[in-house]
């Protein structure tokens, strides 16, 4: 089974690229972020016509997450628990039945947190604390779990082209990285580190300053697996060529293979 995550940076602007990629890559499950669409305006019928079941948790003009699955959904949960006042659409969770049992998948669009001096950075850290608490509760189910998405976290210096240039950024501050590793330390496995684990393999290149052409990228899109999912992990790859397509997202898909 192929499971992918991709921040598409707007469904309206990127629908042609998304259709092309789905046809070429043929993921069984695709977790999308930053769809920038309310639920009722999301073109679900296009992707249902391609054989996918579609779940959407949208927001007008900002944020928004979706999950496509070739297998039916048994359960869909919208929003990250822990703060009933939080109206930002950044978390969508689904349970899917496979031949070997239930698989739980989440599409995550973690807050950016910049500028650090604003209220956005405390929100980022609080959101990560909520994610940690929720992940702990999900791990108690002892089932295959994949937490996939744009984490807006650069885990190590090997995941950025120039660590000094990002030293004061919310994506790379020690507090941010510590919060990310605290989530992993619950017992999760990063699919990239468990398989590829190569330096300077990026998933995001800014539109500015020729970042793509110079390979000035960062790795911020991650798939974290429960022990039951990690046991079934057979591969991981970054679908880099999509960044060179016409009107690309600034992110590229990251895909894993699970033997389920």
Foldseek 3Di string as FASTA:
>chain_A
DKEKEEAFQACVLCVVVVVVCCVVVVGQKYKYKFNQDPPVPPPVVVVVVVQWDKDWHHDHRTIIMIMTHNFDFPDKDWDQPDDPPDPHGFKIKTWGADPVGIAIEMEGDQQLCPPVPDPSVVVRLVVLVSVLVVLLVVVVVVAKYKYWYQSLAQQDPLFFPDCVVCDNGSNYDPSNNVSVVSSVVSAKDWLCCVAVVDGLDAFFADPPDCRVVVSRHGHRTIIIIHPNQVVFWDDKDWPPCQCVDPSGDRGTMIMTDGPD
